[in-house]
PDB file of N, CA and C in Angstrom:
ATOM      1  N   UNK A   1       1.539 -57.169  -9.310  1.00  0.00           N
ATOM      2  CA  UNK A   1       2.743 -56.999 -10.089  1.00  0.00           C
ATOM      3  C   UNK A   1       3.152 -55.532 -10.144  1.00  0.00           C
ATOM      4  N   UNK A   2       2.153 -54.631 -10.249  1.00  0.00           N
ATOM      5  CA  UNK A   2       2.463 -53.211 -10.312  1.00  0.00           C
ATOM      6  C   UNK A   2       3.086 -52.744  -8.996  1.00  0.00           C
ATOM      7  N   UNK A   3       2.571 -53.256  -7.886  1.00  0.00           N
ATOM      8  CA  UNK A   3       3.121 -52.877  -6.589  1.00  0.00           C
ATOM      9  C   UNK A   3       4.582 -53.302  -6.500  1.00  0.00           C
ATOM     10  N   UNK A   4       4.869 -54.495  -6.977  1.00  0.00           N
ATOM     11  CA  UNK A   4       6.246 -54.968  -6.961  1.00  0.00           C
ATOM     12  C   UNK A   4       7.140 -54.058  -7.790  1.00  0.00           C
ATOM     13  N   UNK A   5       6.660 -53.657  -8.953  1.00  0.00           N
ATOM     14  CA  UNK A   5       7.454 -52.771  -9.803  1.00  0.00           C
ATOM     15  C   UNK A   5       7.682 -51.420  -9.138  1.00  0.00           C
ATOM     16  N   UNK A   6       6.674 -50.916  -8.445  1.00  0.00           N
ATOM     17  CA  UNK A   6       6.831 -49.647  -7.735  1.00  0.00           C
ATOM     18  C   UNK A   6       7.889 -49.767  -6.636  1.00  0.00           C
ATOM     19  N   UNK A   7       7.800 -50.846  -5.902  1.00  0.00           N
ATOM     20  CA  UNK A   7       8.758 -51.059  -4.816  1.00  0.00           C
ATOM     21  C   UNK A   7      10.166 -51.251  -5.382  1.00  0.00           C
ATOM     22  N   UNK A   8      10.271 -51.993  -6.468  1.00  0.00           N
ATOM     23  CA  UNK A   8      11.588 -52.210  -7.087  1.00  0.00           C
ATOM     24  C   UNK A   8      12.154 -50.889  -7.596  1.00  0.00           C
ATOM     25  N   UNK A   9      11.317 -50.072  -8.229  1.00  0.00           N
ATOM     26  CA  UNK A   9      11.765 -48.766  -8.714  1.00  0.00           C
ATOM     27  C   UNK A   9      12.234 -47.899  -7.553  1.00  0.00           C
ATOM     28  N   UNK A  10      11.469 -47.910  -6.481  1.00  0.00           N
ATOM     29  CA  UNK A  10      11.854 -47.105  -5.318  1.00  0.00           C
ATOM     30  C   UNK A  10      13.174 -47.611  -4.736  1.00  0.00           C
ATOM     31  N   UNK A  11      13.335 -48.920  -4.662  1.00  0.00           N
ATOM     32  CA  UNK A  11      14.564 -49.477  -4.120  1.00  0.00           C
ATOM     33  C   UNK A  11      15.786 -49.111  -4.939  1.00  0.00           C
ATOM     34  N   UNK A  12      15.656 -49.196  -6.255  1.00  0.00           N
ATOM     35  CA  UNK A  12      16.775 -48.840  -7.129  1.00  0.00           C
ATOM     36  C   UNK A  12      17.087 -47.354  -7.000  1.00  0.00           C
ATOM     37  N   UNK A  13      16.041 -46.531  -7.026  1.00  0.00           N
ATOM     38  CA  UNK A  13      16.250 -45.086  -6.935  1.00  0.00           C
ATOM     39  C   UNK A  13      16.857 -44.700  -5.593  1.00  0.00           C
ATOM     40  N   UNK A  14      16.345 -45.283  -4.515  1.00  0.00           N
ATOM     41  CA  UNK A  14      16.872 -44.954  -3.193  1.00  0.00           C
ATOM     42  C   UNK A  14      18.293 -45.476  -3.020  1.00  0.00           C
ATOM     43  N   UNK A  15      18.567 -46.617  -3.608  1.00  0.00           N
ATOM     44  CA  UNK A  15      19.929 -47.131  -3.551  1.00  0.00           C
ATOM     45  C   UNK A  15      20.904 -46.197  -4.230  1.00  0.00           C
ATOM     46  N   UNK A  16      20.514 -45.694  -5.382  1.00  0.00           N
ATOM     47  CA  UNK A  16      21.380 -44.766  -6.109  1.00  0.00           C
ATOM     48  C   UNK A  16      21.544 -43.451  -5.350  1.00  0.00           C
ATOM     49  N   UNK A  17      20.472 -43.017  -4.703  1.00  0.00           N
ATOM     50  CA  UNK A  17      20.527 -41.761  -3.952  1.00  0.00           C
ATOM     51  C   UNK A  17      21.323 -41.884  -2.657  1.00  0.00           C
ATOM     52  N   UNK A  18      21.324 -43.063  -2.067  1.00  0.00           N
ATOM     53  CA  UNK A  18      21.928 -43.208  -0.750  1.00  0.00           C
ATOM     54  C   UNK A  18      23.425 -43.502  -0.775  1.00  0.00           C
ATOM     55  N   UNK A  19      23.994 -43.847  -1.914  1.00  0.00           N
ATOM     56  CA  UNK A  19      25.417 -44.170  -1.944  1.00  0.00           C
ATOM     57  C   UNK A  19      26.296 -43.019  -1.469  1.00  0.00           C
ATOM     58  N   UNK A  20      26.115 -41.792  -1.950  1.00  0.00           N
ATOM     59  CA  UNK A  20      26.948 -40.706  -1.433  1.00  0.00           C
ATOM     60  C   UNK A  20      26.730 -40.468   0.057  1.00  0.00           C
ATOM     61  N   UNK A  21      25.494 -40.564   0.502  1.00  0.00           N
ATOM     62  CA  UNK A  21      25.206 -40.350   1.918  1.00  0.00           C
ATOM     63  C   UNK A  21      25.826 -41.448   2.769  1.00  0.00           C
ATOM     64  N   UNK A  22      25.823 -42.670   2.263  1.00  0.00           N
ATOM     65  CA  UNK A  22      26.397 -43.784   2.997  1.00  0.00           C
ATOM     66  C   UNK A  22      27.887 -43.578   3.218  1.00  0.00           C
ATOM     67  N   UNK A  23      28.574 -43.088   2.213  1.00  0.00           N
ATOM     68  CA  UNK A  23      30.007 -42.849   2.336  1.00  0.00           C
ATOM     69  C   UNK A  23      30.295 -41.761   3.373  1.00  0.00           C
ATOM     70  N   UNK A  24      29.418 -40.795   3.504  1.00  0.00           N
ATOM     71  CA  UNK A  24      29.632 -39.698   4.440  1.00  0.00           C
ATOM     72  C   UNK A  24      29.273 -40.077   5.869  1.00  0.00           C
ATOM     73  N   UNK A  25      28.285 -40.954   6.054  1.00  0.00           N
ATOM     74  CA  UNK A  25      27.788 -41.244   7.393  1.00  0.00           C
ATOM     75  C   UNK A  25      28.349 -42.525   7.985  1.00  0.00           C
ATOM     76  N   UNK A  26      29.215 -43.230   7.269  1.00  0.00           N
ATOM     77  CA  UNK A  26      29.769 -44.468   7.805  1.00  0.00           C
ATOM     78  C   UNK A  26      30.549 -44.147   9.074  1.00  0.00           C
ATOM     79  N   UNK A  27      30.221 -44.835  10.132  1.00  0.00           N
ATOM     80  CA  UNK A  27      30.867 -44.582  11.412  1.00  0.00           C
ATOM     81  C   UNK A  27      30.777 -45.813  12.283  1.00  0.00           C
ATOM     82  N   UNK A  28      30.663 -45.595  13.566  1.00  0.00           N
ATOM     83  CA  UNK A  28      30.591 -46.694  14.519  1.00  0.00           C
ATOM     84  C   UNK A  28      29.256 -47.424  14.389  1.00  0.00           C
ATOM     85  N   UNK A  29      29.267 -48.752  14.342  1.00  0.00           N
ATOM     86  CA  UNK A  29      28.022 -49.515  14.256  1.00  0.00           C
ATOM     87  C   UNK A  29      27.141 -49.259  15.470  1.00  0.00           C
ATOM     88  N   UNK A  30      25.820 -49.267  15.257  1.00  0.00           N
ATOM     89  CA  UNK A  30      24.886 -48.998  16.336  1.00  0.00           C
ATOM     90  C   UNK A  30      24.502 -50.251  17.111  1.00  0.00           C
ATOM     91  N   UNK A  31      24.574 -51.422  16.479  1.00  0.00           N
ATOM     92  CA  UNK A  31      24.091 -52.640  17.116  1.00  0.00           C
ATOM     93  C   UNK A  31      25.222 -53.596  17.485  1.00  0.00           C
ATOM     94  N   UNK A  32      26.398 -53.107  17.704  1.00  0.00           N
ATOM     95  CA  UNK A  32      27.536 -53.951  18.048  1.00  0.00           C
ATOM     96  C   UNK A  32      28.642 -53.737  17.045  1.00  0.00           C
ATOM     97  N   UNK A  33      29.840 -54.083  17.431  1.00  0.00           N
ATOM     98  CA  UNK A  33      30.973 -53.833  16.554  1.00  0.00           C
ATOM     99  C   UNK A  33      31.111 -54.908  15.477  1.00  0.00           C
ATOM    100  N   UNK A  34      30.887 -56.166  15.816  1.00  0.00           N
ATOM    101  CA  UNK A  34      30.993 -57.237  14.841  1.00  0.00           C
ATOM    102  C   UNK A  34      30.658 -58.546  15.532  1.00  0.00           C
ATOM    103  N   UNK A  35      30.441 -59.580  14.757  1.00  0.00           N
ATOM    104  CA  UNK A  35      30.302 -60.931  15.273  1.00  0.00           C
ATOM    105  C   UNK A  35      29.149 -61.139  16.227  1.00  0.00           C
ATOM    106  N   UNK A  36      29.387 -61.945  17.237  1.00  0.00           N
ATOM    107  CA  UNK A  36      28.379 -62.344  18.199  1.00  0.00           C
ATOM    108  C   UNK A  36      28.408 -61.401  19.400  1.00  0.00           C
ATOM    109  N   UNK A  37      27.230 -61.022  19.864  1.00  0.00           N
ATOM    110  CA  UNK A  37      27.116 -60.169  21.043  1.00  0.00           C
ATOM    111  C   UNK A  37      27.247 -61.036  22.294  1.00  0.00           C
ATOM    112  N   UNK A  38      28.406 -61.020  22.904  1.00  0.00           N
ATOM    113  CA  UNK A  38      28.663 -61.869  24.066  1.00  0.00           C
ATOM    114  C   UNK A  38      28.064 -61.310  25.349  1.00  0.00           C
ATOM    115  N   UNK A  39      27.595 -60.066  25.322  1.00  0.00           N
ATOM    116  CA  UNK A  39      27.029 -59.479  26.539  1.00  0.00           C
ATOM    117  C   UNK A  39      25.677 -60.090  26.887  1.00  0.00           C
ATOM    118  N   UNK A  40      25.065 -60.846  25.985  1.00  0.00           N
ATOM    119  CA  UNK A  40      23.776 -61.475  26.255  1.00  0.00           C
ATOM    120  C   UNK A  40      23.886 -62.789  27.002  1.00  0.00           C
ATOM    121  N   UNK A  41      25.109 -63.248  27.242  1.00  0.00           N
ATOM    122  CA  UNK A  41      25.300 -64.523  27.935  1.00  0.00           C
ATOM    123  C   UNK A  41      25.016 -64.396  29.421  1.00  0.00           C
ATOM    124  N   UNK A  42      24.540 -65.482  29.998  1.00  0.00           N
ATOM    125  CA  UNK A  42      24.363 -65.571  31.445  1.00  0.00           C
ATOM    126  C   UNK A  42      25.441 -66.518  31.964  1.00  0.00           C
ATOM    127  N   UNK A  43      26.515 -65.932  32.475  1.00  0.00           N
ATOM    128  CA  UNK A  43      27.664 -66.737  32.899  1.00  0.00           C
ATOM    129  C   UNK A  43      27.423 -67.500  34.202  1.00  0.00           C
ATOM    130  N   UNK A  44      26.288 -67.233  34.862  1.00  0.00           N
ATOM    131  CA  UNK A  44      25.975 -67.982  36.074  1.00  0.00           C
ATOM    132  C   UNK A  44      25.429 -69.371  35.753  1.00  0.00           C
ATOM    133  N   UNK A  45      25.073 -69.617  34.516  1.00  0.00           N
ATOM    134  CA  UNK A  45      24.547 -70.915  34.075  1.00  0.00           C
ATOM    135  C   UNK A  45      25.664 -71.666  33.361  1.00  0.00           C
ATOM    136  N   UNK A  46      25.817 -72.944  33.682  1.00  0.00           N
ATOM    137  CA  UNK A  46      26.817 -73.767  33.017  1.00  0.00           C
ATOM    138  C   UNK A  46      26.306 -74.144  31.630  1.00  0.00           C
ATOM    139  N   UNK A  47      27.159 -74.018  30.594  1.00  0.00           N
ATOM    140  CA  UNK A  47      26.712 -74.336  29.231  1.00  0.00           C
ATOM    141  C   UNK A  47      26.174 -75.758  29.096  1.00  0.00           C
ATOM    142  N   UNK A  48      26.704 -76.702  29.866  1.00  0.00           N
ATOM    143  CA  UNK A  48      26.236 -78.083  29.779  1.00  0.00           C
ATOM    144  C   UNK A  48      24.886 -78.304  30.429  1.00  0.00           C
ATOM    145  N   UNK A  49      24.480 -77.396  31.340  1.00  0.00           N
ATOM    146  CA  UNK A  49      23.188 -77.550  32.013  1.00  0.00           C
ATOM    147  C   UNK A  49      22.044 -77.026  31.135  1.00  0.00           C
ATOM    148  N   UNK A  50      22.197 -75.837  30.597  1.00  0.00           N
ATOM    149  CA  UNK A  50      21.169 -75.229  29.737  1.00  0.00           C
ATOM    150  C   UNK A  50      21.861 -74.238  28.811  1.00  0.00           C
ATOM    151  N   UNK A  51      22.253 -74.713  27.629  1.00  0.00           N
ATOM    152  CA  UNK A  51      23.042 -73.874  26.736  1.00  0.00           C
ATOM    153  C   UNK A  51      22.272 -72.640  26.267  1.00  0.00           C
ATOM    154  N   UNK A  52      20.968 -72.782  26.017  1.00  0.00           N
ATOM    155  CA  UNK A  52      20.181 -71.629  25.577  1.00  0.00           C
ATOM    156  C   UNK A  52      20.189 -70.542  26.646  1.00  0.00           C
ATOM    157  N   UNK A  53      19.987 -70.910  27.892  1.00  0.00           N
ATOM    158  CA  UNK A  53      19.999 -69.928  28.981  1.00  0.00           C
ATOM    159  C   UNK A  53      21.405 -69.344  29.159  1.00  0.00           C
ATOM    160  N   UNK A  54      22.426 -70.170  29.001  1.00  0.00           N
ATOM    161  CA  UNK A  54      23.803 -69.681  29.079  1.00  0.00           C
ATOM    162  C   UNK A  54      24.078 -68.658  27.971  1.00  0.00           C
ATOM    163  N   UNK A  55      23.704 -68.996  26.730  1.00  0.00           N
ATOM    164  CA  UNK A  55      24.011 -68.137  25.588  1.00  0.00           C
ATOM    165  C   UNK A  55      23.126 -66.897  25.512  1.00  0.00           C
ATOM    166  N   UNK A  56      21.888 -66.967  26.007  1.00  0.00           N
ATOM    167  CA  UNK A  56      20.929 -65.878  25.821  1.00  0.00           C
ATOM    168  C   UNK A  56      20.281 -65.368  27.101  1.00  0.00           C
ATOM    169  N   UNK A  57      20.704 -65.846  28.248  1.00  0.00           N
ATOM    170  CA  UNK A  57      20.026 -65.544  29.504  1.00  0.00           C
ATOM    171  C   UNK A  57      19.884 -64.063  29.816  1.00  0.00           C
ATOM    172  N   UNK A  58      20.959 -63.297  29.729  1.00  0.00           N
ATOM    173  CA  UNK A  58      20.897 -61.863  30.040  1.00  0.00           C
ATOM    174  C   UNK A  58      20.018 -61.148  29.023  1.00  0.00           C
ATOM    175  N   UNK A  59      20.151 -61.513  27.760  1.00  0.00           N
ATOM    176  CA  UNK A  59      19.314 -60.896  26.724  1.00  0.00           C
ATOM    177  C   UNK A  59      17.842 -61.194  26.994  1.00  0.00           C
ATOM    178  N   UNK A  60      17.533 -62.449  27.345  1.00  0.00           N
ATOM    179  CA  UNK A  60      16.144 -62.828  27.600  1.00  0.00           C
ATOM    180  C   UNK A  60      15.564 -62.072  28.794  1.00  0.00           C
ATOM    181  N   UNK A  61      16.375 -61.817  29.804  1.00  0.00           N
ATOM    182  CA  UNK A  61      15.903 -61.089  30.987  1.00  0.00           C
ATOM    183  C   UNK A  61      15.696 -59.603  30.693  1.00  0.00           C
ATOM    184  N   UNK A  62      16.539 -59.023  29.846  1.00  0.00           N
ATOM    185  CA  UNK A  62      16.537 -57.575  29.635  1.00  0.00           C
ATOM    186  C   UNK A  62      15.736 -57.102  28.426  1.00  0.00           C
ATOM    187  N   UNK A  63      15.339 -57.998  27.540  1.00  0.00           N
ATOM    188  CA  UNK A  63      14.674 -57.589  26.307  1.00  0.00           C
ATOM    189  C   UNK A  63      13.189 -57.870  26.397  1.00  0.00           C
ATOM    190  N   UNK A  64      12.399 -56.818  26.160  1.00  0.00           N
ATOM    191  CA  UNK A  64      10.951 -56.981  26.126  1.00  0.00           C
ATOM    192  C   UNK A  64      10.527 -57.112  24.668  1.00  0.00           C
ATOM    193  N   UNK A  65       9.830 -58.185  24.344  1.00  0.00           N
ATOM    194  CA  UNK A  65       9.306 -58.365  23.001  1.00  0.00           C
ATOM    195  C   UNK A  65       8.038 -57.529  22.900  1.00  0.00           C
ATOM    196  N   UNK A  66       7.955 -56.633  21.907  1.00  0.00           N
ATOM    197  CA  UNK A  66       6.747 -55.806  21.764  1.00  0.00           C
ATOM    198  C   UNK A  66       5.491 -56.663  21.641  1.00  0.00           C
ATOM    199  N   UNK A  67       4.376 -56.145  22.153  1.00  0.00           N
ATOM    200  CA  UNK A  67       3.120 -56.899  22.162  1.00  0.00           C
ATOM    201  C   UNK A  67       2.635 -57.270  20.770  1.00  0.00           C
ATOM    202  N   UNK A  68       2.986 -56.478  19.765  1.00  0.00           N
ATOM    203  CA  UNK A  68       2.505 -56.751  18.411  1.00  0.00           C
ATOM    204  C   UNK A  68       3.440 -57.667  17.622  1.00  0.00           C
ATOM    205  N   UNK A  69       4.430 -58.254  18.276  1.00  0.00           N
ATOM    206  CA  UNK A  69       5.401 -59.108  17.587  1.00  0.00           C
ATOM    207  C   UNK A  69       5.505 -60.467  18.285  1.00  0.00           C
ATOM    208  N   UNK A  70       5.878 -61.472  17.487  1.00  0.00           N
ATOM    209  CA  UNK A  70       6.102 -62.802  18.038  1.00  0.00           C
ATOM    210  C   UNK A  70       7.554 -62.993  18.454  1.00  0.00           C
ATOM    211  N   UNK A  71       8.446 -62.157  17.896  1.00  0.00           N
ATOM    212  CA  UNK A  71       9.863 -62.243  18.223  1.00  0.00           C
ATOM    213  C   UNK A  71      10.484 -60.866  18.049  1.00  0.00           C
ATOM    214  N   UNK A  72      11.710 -60.721  18.547  1.00  0.00           N
ATOM    215  CA  UNK A  72      12.418 -59.450  18.420  1.00  0.00           C
ATOM    216  C   UNK A  72      13.905 -59.715  18.530  1.00  0.00           C
ATOM    217  N   UNK A  73      14.684 -58.980  17.765  1.00  0.00           N
ATOM    218  CA  UNK A  73      16.130 -59.137  17.810  1.00  0.00           C
ATOM    219  C   UNK A  73      16.804 -58.102  16.937  1.00  0.00           C
ATOM    220  N   UNK A  74      18.084 -58.300  16.692  1.00  0.00           N
ATOM    221  CA  UNK A  74      18.876 -57.329  15.937  1.00  0.00           C
ATOM    222  C   UNK A  74      18.366 -57.163  14.507  1.00  0.00           C
ATOM    223  N   UNK A  75      17.918 -58.242  13.877  1.00  0.00           N
ATOM    224  CA  UNK A  75      17.446 -58.135  12.501  1.00  0.00           C
ATOM    225  C   UNK A  75      16.142 -57.340  12.424  1.00  0.00           C
ATOM    226  N   UNK A  76      15.273 -57.517  13.399  1.00  0.00           N
ATOM    227  CA  UNK A  76      14.032 -56.736  13.437  1.00  0.00           C
ATOM    228  C   UNK A  76      14.364 -55.264  13.668  1.00  0.00           C
ATOM    229  N   UNK A  77      15.298 -54.988  14.571  1.00  0.00           N
ATOM    230  CA  UNK A  77      15.708 -53.604  14.831  1.00  0.00           C
ATOM    231  C   UNK A  77      16.299 -52.968  13.585  1.00  0.00           C
ATOM    232  N   UNK A  78      17.116 -53.719  12.837  1.00  0.00           N
ATOM    233  CA  UNK A  78      17.683 -53.198  11.590  1.00  0.00           C
ATOM    234  C   UNK A  78      16.594 -52.935  10.551  1.00  0.00           C
ATOM    235  N   UNK A  79      15.622 -53.830  10.474  1.00  0.00           N
ATOM    236  CA  UNK A  79      14.526 -53.632   9.520  1.00  0.00           C
ATOM    237  C   UNK A  79      13.736 -52.375   9.871  1.00  0.00           C
ATOM    238  N   UNK A  80      13.407 -52.195  11.140  1.00  0.00           N
ATOM    239  CA  UNK A  80      12.659 -51.016  11.563  1.00  0.00           C
ATOM    240  C   UNK A  80      13.430 -49.736  11.258  1.00  0.00           C
ATOM    241  N   UNK A  81      14.730 -49.756  11.526  1.00  0.00           N
ATOM    242  CA  UNK A  81      15.560 -48.582  11.251  1.00  0.00           C
ATOM    243  C   UNK A  81      15.614 -48.293   9.751  1.00  0.00           C
ATOM    244  N   UNK A  82      15.758 -49.328   8.944  1.00  0.00           N
ATOM    245  CA  UNK A  82      15.802 -49.155   7.492  1.00  0.00           C
ATOM    246  C   UNK A  82      14.492 -48.595   6.962  1.00  0.00           C
ATOM    247  N   UNK A  83      13.367 -49.129   7.448  1.00  0.00           N
ATOM    248  CA  UNK A  83      12.064 -48.636   7.010  1.00  0.00           C
ATOM    249  C   UNK A  83      11.870 -47.174   7.402  1.00  0.00           C
ATOM    250  N   UNK A  84      12.320 -46.820   8.589  1.00  0.00           N
ATOM    251  CA  UNK A  84      12.214 -45.427   9.044  1.00  0.00           C
ATOM    252  C   UNK A  84      13.056 -44.510   8.153  1.00  0.00           C
ATOM    253  N   UNK A  85      14.265 -44.940   7.816  1.00  0.00           N
ATOM    254  CA  UNK A  85      15.142 -44.137   6.964  1.00  0.00           C
ATOM    255  C   UNK A  85      14.581 -43.982   5.549  1.00  0.00           C
ATOM    256  N   UNK A  86      14.069 -45.076   4.979  1.00  0.00           N
ATOM    257  CA  UNK A  86      13.497 -45.018   3.634  1.00  0.00           C
ATOM    258  C   UNK A  86      12.276 -44.107   3.626  1.00  0.00           C
ATOM    259  N   UNK A  87      11.444 -44.232   4.643  1.00  0.00           N
ATOM    260  CA  UNK A  87      10.254 -43.379   4.735  1.00  0.00           C
ATOM    261  C   UNK A  87      10.653 -41.913   4.821  1.00  0.00           C
ATOM    262  N   UNK A  88      11.675 -41.595   5.592  1.00  0.00           N
ATOM    263  CA  UNK A  88      12.127 -40.198   5.715  1.00  0.00           C
ATOM    264  C   UNK A  88      12.624 -39.669   4.372  1.00  0.00           C
ATOM    265  N   UNK A  89      13.350 -40.493   3.624  1.00  0.00           N
ATOM    266  CA  UNK A  89      13.847 -40.072   2.310  1.00  0.00           C
ATOM    267  C   UNK A  89      12.679 -39.812   1.367  1.00  0.00           C
ATOM    268  N   UNK A  90      11.714 -40.731   1.343  1.00  0.00           N
ATOM    269  CA  UNK A  90      10.570 -40.579   0.445  1.00  0.00           C
ATOM    270  C   UNK A  90       9.744 -39.352   0.825  1.00  0.00           C
ATOM    271  N   UNK A  91       9.525 -39.147   2.129  1.00  0.00           N
ATOM    272  CA  UNK A  91       8.758 -37.971   2.558  1.00  0.00           C
ATOM    273  C   UNK A  91       9.474 -36.680   2.177  1.00  0.00           C
ATOM    274  N   UNK A  92      10.787 -36.661   2.312  1.00  0.00           N
ATOM    275  CA  UNK A  92      11.565 -35.474   1.941  1.00  0.00           C
ATOM    276  C   UNK A  92      11.461 -35.203   0.446  1.00  0.00           C
ATOM    277  N   UNK A  93      11.563 -36.255  -0.368  1.00  0.00           N
ATOM    278  CA  UNK A  93      11.471 -36.078  -1.817  1.00  0.00           C
ATOM    279  C   UNK A  93      10.046 -35.734  -2.252  1.00  0.00           C
ATOM    280  N   UNK A  94       9.041 -36.293  -1.579  1.00  0.00           N
ATOM    281  CA  UNK A  94       7.653 -36.009  -1.927  1.00  0.00           C
ATOM    282  C   UNK A  94       7.266 -34.586  -1.553  1.00  0.00           C
ATOM    283  N   UNK A  95       7.924 -34.020  -0.544  1.00  0.00           N
ATOM    284  CA  UNK A  95       7.599 -32.658  -0.103  1.00  0.00           C
ATOM    285  C   UNK A  95       7.981 -31.621  -1.142  1.00  0.00           C
ATOM    286  N   UNK A  96       8.988 -31.896  -1.942  1.00  0.00           N
ATOM    287  CA  UNK A  96       9.421 -30.934  -2.959  1.00  0.00           C
ATOM    288  C   UNK A  96       9.877 -31.652  -4.232  1.00  0.00           C
ATOM    289  N   UNK A  97       8.929 -32.301  -4.931  1.00  0.00           N
ATOM    290  CA  UNK A  97       9.311 -33.046  -6.137  1.00  0.00           C
ATOM    291  C   UNK A  97       9.812 -32.152  -7.265  1.00  0.00           C
ATOM    292  N   UNK A  98       9.362 -30.921  -7.312  1.00  0.00           N
ATOM    293  CA  UNK A  98       9.790 -30.024  -8.393  1.00  0.00           C
ATOM    294  C   UNK A  98      11.236 -29.572  -8.231  1.00  0.00           C
ATOM    295  N   UNK A  99      11.772 -29.656  -7.029  1.00  0.00           N
ATOM    296  CA  UNK A  99      13.151 -29.230  -6.792  1.00  0.00           C
ATOM    297  C   UNK A  99      14.151 -30.327  -7.127  1.00  0.00           C
ATOM    298  N   UNK A 100      13.660 -31.524  -7.419  1.00  0.00           N
ATOM    299  CA  UNK A 100      14.533 -32.670  -7.669  1.00  0.00           C
ATOM    300  C   UNK A 100      14.697 -32.899  -9.170  1.00  0.00           C
ATOM    301  N   UNK A 101      15.684 -33.704  -9.524  1.00  0.00           N
ATOM    302  CA  UNK A 101      15.883 -34.111 -10.912  1.00  0.00           C
ATOM    303  C   UNK A 101      16.115 -35.616 -10.956  1.00  0.00           C
ATOM    304  N   UNK A 102      15.957 -36.200 -12.121  1.00  0.00           N
ATOM    305  CA  UNK A 102      16.256 -37.610 -12.333  1.00  0.00           C
ATOM    306  C   UNK A 102      15.465 -38.550 -11.451  1.00  0.00           C
ATOM    307  N   UNK A 103      16.173 -39.531 -10.875  1.00  0.00           N
ATOM    308  CA  UNK A 103      15.530 -40.548 -10.047  1.00  0.00           C
ATOM    309  C   UNK A 103      14.893 -39.948  -8.801  1.00  0.00           C
ATOM    310  N   UNK A 104      15.531 -38.942  -8.231  1.00  0.00           N
ATOM    311  CA  UNK A 104      14.960 -38.318  -7.032  1.00  0.00           C
ATOM    312  C   UNK A 104      13.593 -37.728  -7.343  1.00  0.00           C
ATOM    313  N   UNK A 105      13.440 -37.126  -8.491  1.00  0.00           N
ATOM    314  CA  UNK A 105      12.157 -36.544  -8.883  1.00  0.00           C
ATOM    315  C   UNK A 105      11.115 -37.646  -9.089  1.00  0.00           C
ATOM    316  N   UNK A 106      11.530 -38.756  -9.692  1.00  0.00           N
ATOM    317  CA  UNK A 106      10.602 -39.872  -9.906  1.00  0.00           C
ATOM    318  C   UNK A 106      10.095 -40.418  -8.576  1.00  0.00           C
ATOM    319  N   UNK A 107      11.008 -40.604  -7.650  1.00  0.00           N
ATOM    320  CA  UNK A 107      10.601 -41.118  -6.340  1.00  0.00           C
ATOM    321  C   UNK A 107       9.677 -40.122  -5.652  1.00  0.00           C
ATOM    322  N   UNK A 108      10.022 -38.852  -5.669  1.00  0.00           N
ATOM    323  CA  UNK A 108       9.197 -37.831  -5.021  1.00  0.00           C
ATOM    324  C   UNK A 108       7.835 -37.690  -5.646  1.00  0.00           C
ATOM    325  N   UNK A 109       7.737 -37.920  -6.943  1.00  0.00           N
ATOM    326  CA  UNK A 109       6.469 -37.757  -7.652  1.00  0.00           C
ATOM    327  C   UNK A 109       5.601 -39.006  -7.582  1.00  0.00           C
ATOM    328  N   UNK A 110       6.197 -40.174  -7.796  1.00  0.00           N
ATOM    329  CA  UNK A 110       5.407 -41.389  -7.966  1.00  0.00           C
ATOM    330  C   UNK A 110       5.367 -42.314  -6.751  1.00  0.00           C
ATOM    331  N   UNK A 111       6.132 -42.044  -5.727  1.00  0.00           N
ATOM    332  CA  UNK A 111       6.148 -42.922  -4.563  1.00  0.00           C
ATOM    333  C   UNK A 111       5.740 -42.155  -3.311  1.00  0.00           C
ATOM    334  N   UNK A 112       4.454 -41.872  -3.153  1.00  0.00           N
ATOM    335  CA  UNK A 112       4.039 -41.158  -1.949  1.00  0.00           C
ATOM    336  C   UNK A 112       4.300 -42.012  -0.715  1.00  0.00           C
ATOM    337  N   UNK A 113       4.521 -41.386   0.436  1.00  0.00           N
ATOM    338  CA  UNK A 113       4.824 -42.145   1.663  1.00  0.00           C
ATOM    339  C   UNK A 113       3.742 -43.141   2.051  1.00  0.00           C
ATOM    340  N   UNK A 114       2.533 -43.001   1.501  1.00  0.00           N
ATOM    341  CA  UNK A 114       1.453 -43.922   1.862  1.00  0.00           C
ATOM    342  C   UNK A 114       1.750 -45.368   1.448  1.00  0.00           C
ATOM    343  N   UNK A 115       2.661 -45.587   0.501  1.00  0.00           N
ATOM    344  CA  UNK A 115       2.971 -46.966   0.104  1.00  0.00           C
ATOM    345  C   UNK A 115       3.657 -47.727   1.219  1.00  0.00           C
ATOM    346  N   UNK A 116       4.216 -47.000   2.193  1.00  0.00           N
ATOM    347  CA  UNK A 116       4.852 -47.663   3.327  1.00  0.00           C
ATOM    348  C   UNK A 116       3.962 -47.652   4.558  1.00  0.00           C
ATOM    349  N   UNK A 117       2.667 -47.475   4.373  1.00  0.00           N
ATOM    350  CA  UNK A 117       1.753 -47.386   5.505  1.00  0.00           C
ATOM    351  C   UNK A 117       1.835 -48.621   6.395  1.00  0.00           C
ATOM    352  N   UNK A 118       1.890 -49.798   5.787  1.00  0.00           N
ATOM    353  CA  UNK A 118       1.977 -51.041   6.564  1.00  0.00           C
ATOM    354  C   UNK A 118       3.236 -51.048   7.426  1.00  0.00           C
ATOM    355  N   UNK A 119       4.344 -50.607   6.851  1.00  0.00           N
ATOM    356  CA  UNK A 119       5.610 -50.617   7.588  1.00  0.00           C
ATOM    357  C   UNK A 119       5.560 -49.663   8.771  1.00  0.00           C
ATOM    358  N   UNK A 120       4.979 -48.480   8.579  1.00  0.00           N
ATOM    359  CA  UNK A 120       4.944 -47.527   9.672  1.00  0.00           C
ATOM    360  C   UNK A 120       3.981 -47.957  10.757  1.00  0.00           C
ATOM    361  N   UNK A 121       2.883 -48.631  10.396  1.00  0.00           N
ATOM    362  CA  UNK A 121       1.919 -49.051  11.414  1.00  0.00           C
ATOM    363  C   UNK A 121       2.461 -50.205  12.226  1.00  0.00           C
ATOM    364  N   UNK A 122       3.328 -51.047  11.633  1.00  0.00           N
ATOM    365  CA  UNK A 122       3.863 -52.182  12.389  1.00  0.00           C
ATOM    366  C   UNK A 122       5.013 -51.772  13.291  1.00  0.00           C
ATOM    367  N   UNK A 123       5.689 -50.676  12.959  1.00  0.00           N
ATOM    368  CA  UNK A 123       6.823 -50.272  13.783  1.00  0.00           C
ATOM    369  C   UNK A 123       6.483 -49.096  14.686  1.00  0.00           C
ATOM    370  N   UNK A 124       5.239 -48.631  14.661  1.00  0.00           N
ATOM    371  CA  UNK A 124       4.839 -47.502  15.511  1.00  0.00           C
ATOM    372  C   UNK A 124       4.576 -47.947  16.919  1.00  0.00           C
TER     373      UNK A 124
END
């Protein structure tokens, strides 16, 4: 229960800290502009013959699933990126907790980067 509270506190604090940064860094999406990624289709396959190969053929040929994972896709990539960003924020705040105030100081003082050890080891 304590771990959950720590994670919830960190999430709330990081959410509050990231709003101004989010407004400044909003730009072109990194994983596609919107909707369905049609570049993963294999147009050499007829949809009626093998729809999965038609819809995902190029993606299946070009994407290597990491050895430590059972699957991989855009949601996994987004999770890894989010974990990396959160870890960077926490490490930055932990490096100089005395220079921070309010929620930033709490995160820097009470949330050492070691709490994300599992996340960094799975995405390394």
